[in-house]
Amino acid sequence: MKKPEMERIIRSELEYIPNGSSGSTQNKLRFFYNGFRRKGMVKGITREESLTEAIDRVKQDYPSFNPEFDKEFFKTHEKTTGVRQIFRKLLNLF
């Protein structure tokens, strides 16, 4: 997939993750989603998995963060199981 097409897709997906105020934790979620999604598209990772990874990353620094996103569009759960988190960390090693 070419870069302009990836950017278009990610931009359209970010419409389902609302903006927060400047410097907000919600905007950090959008930032991390953008990065994880770019890498994920190359690796065949779904948008749902990229969002879950972004939420997990933000919650490392802000454990009480309550992310805002269109749950119907992403069809994901906010919390991941311990096994899923371990598996994701192992994948990041390679």
PDB file of N, CA and C in Angstrom:
ATOM      1  N   MET A   1       0.853  -1.171   0.000  1.00  0.00           N
ATOM      2  CA  MET A   1       0.000   0.000   0.000  1.00  0.00           C
ATOM      3  C   MET A   1       0.901   1.237   0.000  1.00  0.00           C
ATOM      4  N   LYS A   2       0.521   2.222  -0.792  1.00  0.00           N
ATOM      5  CA  LYS A   2       1.321   3.438  -0.907  1.00  0.00           C
ATOM      6  C   LYS A   2       1.001   4.414   0.220  1.00  0.00           C
ATOM      7  N   LYS A   3       1.993   5.251   0.526  1.00  0.00           N
ATOM      8  CA  LYS A   3       1.883   6.180   1.646  1.00  0.00           C
ATOM      9  C   LYS A   3       0.650   7.097   1.563  1.00  0.00           C
ATOM     10  N   PRO A   4       0.342   7.713   0.410  1.00  0.00           N
ATOM     11  CA  PRO A   4      -0.848   8.580   0.359  1.00  0.00           C
ATOM     12  C   PRO A   4      -2.146   7.836   0.681  1.00  0.00           C
ATOM     13  N   GLU A   5      -2.244   6.590   0.249  1.00  0.00           N
ATOM     14  CA  GLU A   5      -3.437   5.791   0.531  1.00  0.00           C
ATOM     15  C   GLU A   5      -3.518   5.469   2.027  1.00  0.00           C
ATOM     16  N   MET A   6      -2.369   5.132   2.624  1.00  0.00           N
ATOM     17  CA  MET A   6      -2.341   4.866   4.060  1.00  0.00           C
ATOM     18  C   MET A   6      -2.759   6.112   4.841  1.00  0.00           C
ATOM     19  N   GLU A   7      -2.235   7.253   4.455  1.00  0.00           N
ATOM     20  CA  GLU A   7      -2.572   8.507   5.137  1.00  0.00           C
ATOM     21  C   GLU A   7      -4.056   8.819   5.030  1.00  0.00           C
ATOM     22  N   ARG A   8      -4.637   8.568   3.873  1.00  0.00           N
ATOM     23  CA  ARG A   8      -6.066   8.818   3.675  1.00  0.00           C
ATOM     24  C   ARG A   8      -6.903   7.913   4.584  1.00  0.00           C
ATOM     25  N   ILE A   9      -6.533   6.655   4.654  1.00  0.00           N
ATOM     26  CA  ILE A   9      -7.264   5.699   5.487  1.00  0.00           C
ATOM     27  C   ILE A   9      -7.156   6.083   6.966  1.00  0.00           C
ATOM     28  N   ILE A  10      -5.947   6.384   7.402  1.00  0.00           N
ATOM     29  CA  ILE A  10      -5.746   6.738   8.809  1.00  0.00           C
ATOM     30  C   ILE A  10      -6.482   8.020   9.148  1.00  0.00           C
ATOM     31  N   ARG A  11      -6.423   8.991   8.271  1.00  0.00           N
ATOM     32  CA  ARG A  11      -7.144  10.252   8.500  1.00  0.00           C
ATOM     33  C   ARG A  11      -8.641   9.998   8.646  1.00  0.00           C
ATOM     34  N   SER A  12      -9.188   9.119   7.817  1.00  0.00           N
ATOM     35  CA  SER A  12     -10.627   8.823   7.912  1.00  0.00           C
ATOM     36  C   SER A  12     -10.947   8.064   9.202  1.00  0.00           C
ATOM     37  N   GLU A  13     -10.047   7.176   9.640  1.00  0.00           N
ATOM     38  CA  GLU A  13     -10.270   6.435  10.884  1.00  0.00           C
ATOM     39  C   GLU A  13     -10.173   7.349  12.099  1.00  0.00           C
ATOM     40  N   LEU A  14      -9.299   8.345  12.053  1.00  0.00           N
ATOM     41  CA  LEU A  14      -9.144   9.270  13.178  1.00  0.00           C
ATOM     42  C   LEU A  14     -10.407  10.100  13.413  1.00  0.00           C
ATOM     43  N   GLU A  15     -11.293  10.157  12.433  1.00  0.00           N
ATOM     44  CA  GLU A  15     -12.568  10.857  12.630  1.00  0.00           C
ATOM     45  C   GLU A  15     -13.415  10.161  13.701  1.00  0.00           C
ATOM     46  N   TYR A  16     -13.120   8.896  13.977  1.00  0.00           N
ATOM     47  CA  TYR A  16     -13.869   8.121  14.960  1.00  0.00           C
ATOM     48  C   TYR A  16     -13.214   8.130  16.345  1.00  0.00           C
ATOM     49  N   ILE A  17     -12.117   8.893  16.461  1.00  0.00           N
ATOM     50  CA  ILE A  17     -11.459   9.122  17.752  1.00  0.00           C
ATOM     51  C   ILE A  17     -11.465  10.637  17.939  1.00  0.00           C
ATOM     52  N   PRO A  18     -12.364  11.172  18.765  1.00  0.00           N
ATOM     53  CA  PRO A  18     -12.510  12.624  18.883  1.00  0.00           C
ATOM     54  C   PRO A  18     -11.241  13.328  19.353  1.00  0.00           C
ATOM     55  N   ASN A  19     -11.095  14.565  18.888  1.00  0.00           N
ATOM     56  CA  ASN A  19     -10.022  15.431  19.375  1.00  0.00           C
ATOM     57  C   ASN A  19     -10.282  15.785  20.827  1.00  0.00           C
ATOM     58  N   GLY A  20      -9.214  16.025  21.553  1.00  0.00           N
ATOM     59  CA  GLY A  20      -9.312  16.576  22.892  1.00  0.00           C
ATOM     60  C   GLY A  20      -8.750  17.985  22.863  1.00  0.00           C
ATOM     61  N   SER A  21      -8.671  18.599  24.026  1.00  0.00           N
ATOM     62  CA  SER A  21      -8.067  19.927  24.087  1.00  0.00           C
ATOM     63  C   SER A  21      -6.561  19.794  23.856  1.00  0.00           C
ATOM     64  N   SER A  22      -5.919  20.890  23.562  1.00  0.00           N
ATOM     65  CA  SER A  22      -4.495  20.902  23.266  1.00  0.00           C
ATOM     66  C   SER A  22      -3.698  20.260  24.399  1.00  0.00           C
ATOM     67  N   GLY A  23      -2.865  19.277  24.058  1.00  0.00           N
ATOM     68  CA  GLY A  23      -2.047  18.589  25.045  1.00  0.00           C
ATOM     69  C   GLY A  23      -2.779  17.568  25.893  1.00  0.00           C
ATOM     70  N   SER A  24      -4.007  17.283  25.567  1.00  0.00           N
ATOM     71  CA  SER A  24      -4.819  16.366  26.380  1.00  0.00           C
ATOM     72  C   SER A  24      -4.408  14.908  26.182  1.00  0.00           C
ATOM     73  N   THR A  25      -4.823  14.088  27.117  1.00  0.00           N
ATOM     74  CA  THR A  25      -4.571  12.653  27.028  1.00  0.00           C
ATOM     75  C   THR A  25      -5.305  12.062  25.826  1.00  0.00           C
ATOM     76  N   GLN A  26      -6.480  12.593  25.517  1.00  0.00           N
ATOM     77  CA  GLN A  26      -7.232  12.128  24.355  1.00  0.00           C
ATOM     78  C   GLN A  26      -6.427  12.361  23.074  1.00  0.00           C
ATOM     79  N   ASN A  27      -5.737  13.494  22.997  1.00  0.00           N
ATOM     80  CA  ASN A  27      -4.910  13.761  21.815  1.00  0.00           C
ATOM     81  C   ASN A  27      -3.692  12.846  21.775  1.00  0.00           C
ATOM     82  N   LYS A  28      -3.193  12.455  22.939  1.00  0.00           N
ATOM     83  CA  LYS A  28      -2.103  11.478  22.980  1.00  0.00           C
ATOM     84  C   LYS A  28      -2.584  10.144  22.398  1.00  0.00           C
ATOM     85  N   LEU A  29      -3.832   9.788  22.706  1.00  0.00           N
ATOM     86  CA  LEU A  29      -4.401   8.572  22.123  1.00  0.00           C
ATOM     87  C   LEU A  29      -4.409   8.665  20.598  1.00  0.00           C
ATOM     88  N   ARG A  30      -4.844   9.785  20.076  1.00  0.00           N
ATOM     89  CA  ARG A  30      -4.863   9.973  18.617  1.00  0.00           C
ATOM     90  C   ARG A  30      -3.452   9.873  18.029  1.00  0.00           C
ATOM     91  N   PHE A  31      -2.486  10.463  18.725  1.00  0.00           N
ATOM     92  CA  PHE A  31      -1.094  10.433  18.278  1.00  0.00           C
ATOM     93  C   PHE A  31      -0.586   8.992  18.217  1.00  0.00           C
ATOM     94  N   PHE A  32      -0.791   8.248  19.315  1.00  0.00           N
ATOM     95  CA  PHE A  32      -0.317   6.868  19.344  1.00  0.00           C
ATOM     96  C   PHE A  32      -1.067   5.999  18.338  1.00  0.00           C
ATOM     97  N   TYR A  33      -2.375   6.242  18.182  1.00  0.00           N
ATOM     98  CA  TYR A  33      -3.124   5.461  17.201  1.00  0.00           C
ATOM     99  C   TYR A  33      -2.527   5.652  15.809  1.00  0.00           C
ATOM    100  N   ASN A  34      -2.233   6.890  15.473  1.00  0.00           N
ATOM    101  CA  ASN A  34      -1.664   7.203  14.163  1.00  0.00           C
ATOM    102  C   ASN A  34      -0.390   6.390  13.933  1.00  0.00           C
ATOM    103  N   GLY A  35       0.510   6.390  14.899  1.00  0.00           N
ATOM    104  CA  GLY A  35       1.765   5.655  14.754  1.00  0.00           C
ATOM    105  C   GLY A  35       1.585   4.151  14.724  1.00  0.00           C
ATOM    106  N   PHE A  36       0.793   3.626  15.662  1.00  0.00           N
ATOM    107  CA  PHE A  36       0.572   2.179  15.693  1.00  0.00           C
ATOM    108  C   PHE A  36      -0.165   1.705  14.446  1.00  0.00           C
ATOM    109  N   ARG A  37      -1.064   2.521  13.950  1.00  0.00           N
ATOM    110  CA  ARG A  37      -1.820   2.131  12.758  1.00  0.00           C
ATOM    111  C   ARG A  37      -0.930   2.097  11.524  1.00  0.00           C
ATOM    112  N   ARG A  38      -0.030   3.065  11.412  1.00  0.00           N
ATOM    113  CA  ARG A  38       0.904   3.070  10.277  1.00  0.00           C
ATOM    114  C   ARG A  38       1.729   1.787  10.247  1.00  0.00           C
ATOM    115  N   LYS A  39       2.304   1.447  11.395  1.00  0.00           N
ATOM    116  CA  LYS A  39       3.091   0.211  11.463  1.00  0.00           C
ATOM    117  C   LYS A  39       2.200  -1.003  11.270  1.00  0.00           C
ATOM    118  N   GLY A  40       1.006  -0.944  11.854  1.00  0.00           N
ATOM    119  CA  GLY A  40       0.090  -2.069  11.776  1.00  0.00           C
ATOM    120  C   GLY A  40      -0.383  -2.377  10.369  1.00  0.00           C
ATOM    121  N   MET A  41      -0.599  -1.348   9.582  1.00  0.00           N
ATOM    122  CA  MET A  41      -1.059  -1.568   8.207  1.00  0.00           C
ATOM    123  C   MET A  41      -0.024  -2.349   7.411  1.00  0.00           C
ATOM    124  N   VAL A  42       1.242  -2.074   7.657  1.00  0.00           N
ATOM    125  CA  VAL A  42       2.317  -2.780   6.962  1.00  0.00           C
ATOM    126  C   VAL A  42       2.372  -4.236   7.411  1.00  0.00           C
ATOM    127  N   LYS A  43       2.106  -4.463   8.702  1.00  0.00           N
ATOM    128  CA  LYS A  43       2.189  -5.816   9.273  1.00  0.00           C
ATOM    129  C   LYS A  43       0.883  -6.603   9.181  1.00  0.00           C
ATOM    130  N   GLY A  44      -0.187  -5.971   8.700  1.00  0.00           N
ATOM    131  CA  GLY A  44      -1.473  -6.663   8.605  1.00  0.00           C
ATOM    132  C   GLY A  44      -2.267  -6.652   9.898  1.00  0.00           C
ATOM    133  N   ILE A  45      -1.966  -5.710  10.793  1.00  0.00           N
ATOM    134  CA  ILE A  45      -2.687  -5.594  12.066  1.00  0.00           C
ATOM    135  C   ILE A  45      -3.936  -4.748  11.832  1.00  0.00           C
ATOM    136  N   THR A  46      -5.044  -5.144  12.430  1.00  0.00           N
ATOM    137  CA  THR A  46      -6.319  -4.457  12.213  1.00  0.00           C
ATOM    138  C   THR A  46      -6.364  -3.116  12.933  1.00  0.00           C
ATOM    139  N   ARG A  47      -7.317  -2.298  12.538  1.00  0.00           N
ATOM    140  CA  ARG A  47      -7.489  -1.006  13.204  1.00  0.00           C
ATOM    141  C   ARG A  47      -7.892  -1.204  14.664  1.00  0.00           C
ATOM    142  N   GLU A  48      -8.653  -2.246  14.942  1.00  0.00           N
ATOM    143  CA  GLU A  48      -9.057  -2.539  16.312  1.00  0.00           C
ATOM    144  C   GLU A  48      -7.842  -2.859  17.180  1.00  0.00           C
ATOM    145  N   GLU A  49      -6.951  -3.671  16.643  1.00  0.00           N
ATOM    146  CA  GLU A  49      -5.735  -4.023  17.381  1.00  0.00           C
ATOM    147  C   GLU A  49      -4.840  -2.799  17.571  1.00  0.00           C
ATOM    148  N   SER A  50      -4.771  -1.944  16.570  1.00  0.00           N
ATOM    149  CA  SER A  50      -3.970  -0.724  16.679  1.00  0.00           C
ATOM    150  C   SER A  50      -4.543   0.203  17.749  1.00  0.00           C
ATOM    151  N   LEU A  51      -5.858   0.316  17.808  1.00  0.00           N
ATOM    152  CA  LEU A  51      -6.490   1.153  18.825  1.00  0.00           C
ATOM    153  C   LEU A  51      -6.238   0.583  20.217  1.00  0.00           C
ATOM    154  N   THR A  52      -6.384  -0.715  20.365  1.00  0.00           N
ATOM    155  CA  THR A  52      -6.147  -1.351  21.655  1.00  0.00           C
ATOM    156  C   THR A  52      -4.711  -1.120  22.103  1.00  0.00           C
ATOM    157  N   GLU A  53      -3.779  -1.238  21.174  1.00  0.00           N
ATOM    158  CA  GLU A  53      -2.375  -1.002  21.487  1.00  0.00           C
ATOM    159  C   GLU A  53      -2.146   0.457  21.899  1.00  0.00           C
ATOM    160  N   ALA A  54      -2.785   1.393  21.205  1.00  0.00           N
ATOM    161  CA  ALA A  54      -2.654   2.815  21.544  1.00  0.00           C
ATOM    162  C   ALA A  54      -3.238   3.094  22.928  1.00  0.00           C
ATOM    163  N   ILE A  55      -4.394   2.522  23.226  1.00  0.00           N
ATOM    164  CA  ILE A  55      -5.013   2.706  24.547  1.00  0.00           C
ATOM    165  C   ILE A  55      -4.105   2.138  25.636  1.00  0.00           C
ATOM    166  N   ASP A  56      -3.579   0.939  25.403  1.00  0.00           N
ATOM    167  CA  ASP A  56      -2.670   0.330  26.377  1.00  0.00           C
ATOM    168  C   ASP A  56      -1.460   1.219  26.621  1.00  0.00           C
ATOM    169  N   ARG A  57      -0.932   1.802  25.566  1.00  0.00           N
ATOM    170  CA  ARG A  57       0.254   2.670  25.693  1.00  0.00           C
ATOM    171  C   ARG A  57      -0.077   3.919  26.509  1.00  0.00           C
ATOM    172  N   VAL A  58      -1.196   4.559  26.223  1.00  0.00           N
ATOM    173  CA  VAL A  58      -1.580   5.766  26.964  1.00  0.00           C
ATOM    174  C   VAL A  58      -1.817   5.425  28.431  1.00  0.00           C
ATOM    175  N   LYS A  59      -2.442   4.285  28.679  1.00  0.00           N
ATOM    176  CA  LYS A  59      -2.756   3.901  30.056  1.00  0.00           C
ATOM    177  C   LYS A  59      -1.512   3.544  30.867  1.00  0.00           C
ATOM    178  N   GLN A  60      -0.392   3.312  30.218  1.00  0.00           N
ATOM    179  CA  GLN A  60       0.857   3.109  30.955  1.00  0.00           C
ATOM    180  C   GLN A  60       1.193   4.366  31.760  1.00  0.00           C
ATOM    181  N   ASP A  61       0.957   5.534  31.171  1.00  0.00           N
ATOM    182  CA  ASP A  61       1.254   6.809  31.827  1.00  0.00           C
ATOM    183  C   ASP A  61       0.045   7.388  32.561  1.00  0.00           C
ATOM    184  N   TYR A  62      -1.159   7.053  32.091  1.00  0.00           N
ATOM    185  CA  TYR A  62      -2.400   7.598  32.653  1.00  0.00           C
ATOM    186  C   TYR A  62      -3.382   6.453  32.908  1.00  0.00           C
ATOM    187  N   PRO A  63      -3.172   5.677  33.966  1.00  0.00           N
ATOM    188  CA  PRO A  63      -3.977   4.468  34.202  1.00  0.00           C
ATOM    189  C   PRO A  63      -5.482   4.708  34.315  1.00  0.00           C
ATOM    190  N   SER A  64      -5.886   5.877  34.748  1.00  0.00           N
ATOM    191  CA  SER A  64      -7.322   6.129  34.906  1.00  0.00           C
ATOM    192  C   SER A  64      -7.952   6.747  33.656  1.00  0.00           C
ATOM    193  N   PHE A  65      -7.192   6.839  32.578  1.00  0.00           N
ATOM    194  CA  PHE A  65      -7.684   7.431  31.331  1.00  0.00           C
ATOM    195  C   PHE A  65      -8.889   6.662  30.804  1.00  0.00           C
ATOM    196  N   ASN A  66      -9.933   7.404  30.445  1.00  0.00           N
ATOM    197  CA  ASN A  66     -11.133   6.828  29.857  1.00  0.00           C
ATOM    198  C   ASN A  66     -11.202   7.292  28.405  1.00  0.00           C
ATOM    199  N   PRO A  67     -10.736   6.476  27.461  1.00  0.00           N
ATOM    200  CA  PRO A  67     -10.652   6.907  26.070  1.00  0.00           C
ATOM    201  C   PRO A  67     -12.020   7.103  25.426  1.00  0.00           C
ATOM    202  N   GLU A  68     -12.066   8.068  24.541  1.00  0.00           N
ATOM    203  CA  GLU A  68     -13.274   8.308  23.756  1.00  0.00           C
ATOM    204  C   GLU A  68     -13.014   7.852  22.324  1.00  0.00           C
ATOM    205  N   PHE A  69     -13.884   7.004  21.829  1.00  0.00           N
ATOM    206  CA  PHE A  69     -13.823   6.556  20.441  1.00  0.00           C
ATOM    207  C   PHE A  69     -15.148   5.916  20.095  1.00  0.00           C
ATOM    208  N   ASP A  70     -15.418   5.775  18.820  1.00  0.00           N
ATOM    209  CA  ASP A  70     -16.661   5.170  18.358  1.00  0.00           C
ATOM    210  C   ASP A  70     -16.543   3.647  18.485  1.00  0.00           C
ATOM    211  N   LYS A  71     -17.135   3.113  19.517  1.00  0.00           N
ATOM    212  CA  LYS A  71     -17.020   1.677  19.791  1.00  0.00           C
ATOM    213  C   LYS A  71     -17.651   0.832  18.693  1.00  0.00           C
ATOM    214  N   GLU A  72     -18.674   1.343  18.072  1.00  0.00           N
ATOM    215  CA  GLU A  72     -19.314   0.602  16.973  1.00  0.00           C
ATOM    216  C   GLU A  72     -18.377   0.506  15.768  1.00  0.00           C
ATOM    217  N   PHE A  73     -17.682   1.593  15.456  1.00  0.00           N
ATOM    218  CA  PHE A  73     -16.758   1.592  14.321  1.00  0.00           C
ATOM    219  C   PHE A  73     -15.587   0.655  14.579  1.00  0.00           C
ATOM    220  N   PHE A  74     -15.033   0.703  15.790  1.00  0.00           N
ATOM    221  CA  PHE A  74     -13.861  -0.109  16.095  1.00  0.00           C
ATOM    222  C   PHE A  74     -14.203  -1.510  16.584  1.00  0.00           C
ATOM    223  N   LYS A  75     -15.414  -1.692  17.104  1.00  0.00           N
ATOM    224  CA  LYS A  75     -15.850  -3.010  17.580  1.00  0.00           C
ATOM    225  C   LYS A  75     -14.785  -3.666  18.449  1.00  0.00           C
ATOM    226  N   THR A  76     -14.323  -2.922  19.432  1.00  0.00           N
ATOM    227  CA  THR A  76     -13.283  -3.417  20.332  1.00  0.00           C
ATOM    228  C   THR A  76     -13.681  -3.145  21.765  1.00  0.00           C
ATOM    229  N   HIS A  77     -13.007  -3.771  22.661  1.00  0.00           N
ATOM    230  CA  HIS A  77     -13.212  -3.535  24.080  1.00  0.00           C
ATOM    231  C   HIS A  77     -12.048  -2.695  24.582  1.00  0.00           C
ATOM    232  N   GLU A  78     -12.306  -1.871  25.573  1.00  0.00           N
ATOM    233  CA  GLU A  78     -11.261  -0.983  26.074  1.00  0.00           C
ATOM    234  C   GLU A  78     -10.189  -1.737  26.837  1.00  0.00           C
ATOM    235  N   LYS A  79     -10.554  -2.817  27.483  1.00  0.00           N
ATOM    236  CA  LYS A  79      -9.572  -3.543  28.276  1.00  0.00           C
ATOM    237  C   LYS A  79      -9.126  -4.785  27.523  1.00  0.00           C
ATOM    238  N   THR A  80      -7.853  -5.115  27.689  1.00  0.00           N
ATOM    239  CA  THR A  80      -7.322  -6.318  27.071  1.00  0.00           C
ATOM    240  C   THR A  80      -6.959  -7.297  28.175  1.00  0.00           C
ATOM    241  N   THR A  81      -6.891  -8.552  27.828  1.00  0.00           N
ATOM    242  CA  THR A  81      -6.521  -9.559  28.809  1.00  0.00           C
ATOM    243  C   THR A  81      -5.016  -9.552  28.996  1.00  0.00           C
ATOM    244  N   GLY A  82      -4.557 -10.087  30.093  1.00  0.00           N
ATOM    245  CA  GLY A  82      -3.127 -10.166  30.350  1.00  0.00           C
ATOM    246  C   GLY A  82      -2.397 -10.956  29.285  1.00  0.00           C
ATOM    247  N   VAL A  83      -2.991 -12.039  28.816  1.00  0.00           N
ATOM    248  CA  VAL A  83      -2.366 -12.870  27.787  1.00  0.00           C
ATOM    249  C   VAL A  83      -2.192 -12.056  26.505  1.00  0.00           C
ATOM    250  N   ARG A  84      -3.188 -11.292  26.152  1.00  0.00           N
ATOM    251  CA  ARG A  84      -3.113 -10.484  24.932  1.00  0.00           C
ATOM    252  C   ARG A  84      -2.005  -9.438  25.042  1.00  0.00           C
ATOM    253  N   GLN A  85      -1.868  -8.819  26.205  1.00  0.00           N
ATOM    254  CA  GLN A  85      -0.824  -7.824  26.399  1.00  0.00           C
ATOM    255  C   GLN A  85       0.557  -8.463  26.307  1.00  0.00           C
ATOM    256  N   ILE A  86       0.727  -9.639  26.888  1.00  0.00           N
ATOM    257  CA  ILE A  86       2.011 -10.333  26.823  1.00  0.00           C
ATOM    258  C   ILE A  86       2.333 -10.699  25.385  1.00  0.00           C
ATOM    259  N   PHE A  87       1.357 -11.199  24.659  1.00  0.00           N
ATOM    260  CA  PHE A  87       1.562 -11.565  23.264  1.00  0.00           C
ATOM    261  C   PHE A  87       1.973 -10.350  22.446  1.00  0.00           C
ATOM    262  N   ARG A  88       1.318  -9.218  22.670  1.00  0.00           N
ATOM    263  CA  ARG A  88       1.630  -7.993  21.942  1.00  0.00           C
ATOM    264  C   ARG A  88       3.055  -7.525  22.242  1.00  0.00           C
ATOM    265  N   LYS A  89       3.470  -7.633  23.505  1.00  0.00           N
ATOM    266  CA  LYS A  89       4.826  -7.230  23.877  1.00  0.00           C
ATOM    267  C   LYS A  89       5.851  -8.135  23.203  1.00  0.00           C
ATOM    268  N   LEU A  90       5.557  -9.425  23.111  1.00  0.00           N
ATOM    269  CA  LEU A  90       6.461 -10.343  22.437  1.00  0.00           C
ATOM    270  C   LEU A  90       6.596  -9.997  20.951  1.00  0.00           C
ATOM    271  N   LEU A  91       5.495  -9.640  20.330  1.00  0.00           N
ATOM    272  CA  LEU A  91       5.543  -9.271  18.917  1.00  0.00           C
ATOM    273  C   LEU A  91       6.389  -8.020  18.696  1.00  0.00           C
ATOM    274  N   ASN A  92       6.364  -7.109  19.644  1.00  0.00           N
ATOM    275  CA  ASN A  92       7.138  -5.874  19.511  1.00  0.00           C
ATOM    276  C   ASN A  92       8.632  -6.110  19.605  1.00  0.00           C
ATOM    277  N   LEU A  93       9.044  -7.276  20.087  1.00  0.00           N
ATOM    278  CA  LEU A  93      10.455  -7.588  20.185  1.00  0.00           C
ATOM    279  C   LEU A  93      11.066  -7.876  18.823  1.00  0.00           C
ATOM    280  N   PHE A  94      10.249  -8.229  17.864  1.00  0.00           N
ATOM    281  CA  PHE A  94      10.760  -8.624  16.551  1.00  0.00           C
ATOM    282  C   PHE A  94      10.597  -7.539  15.542  1.00  0.00           C
TER     283      PHE A  94
END
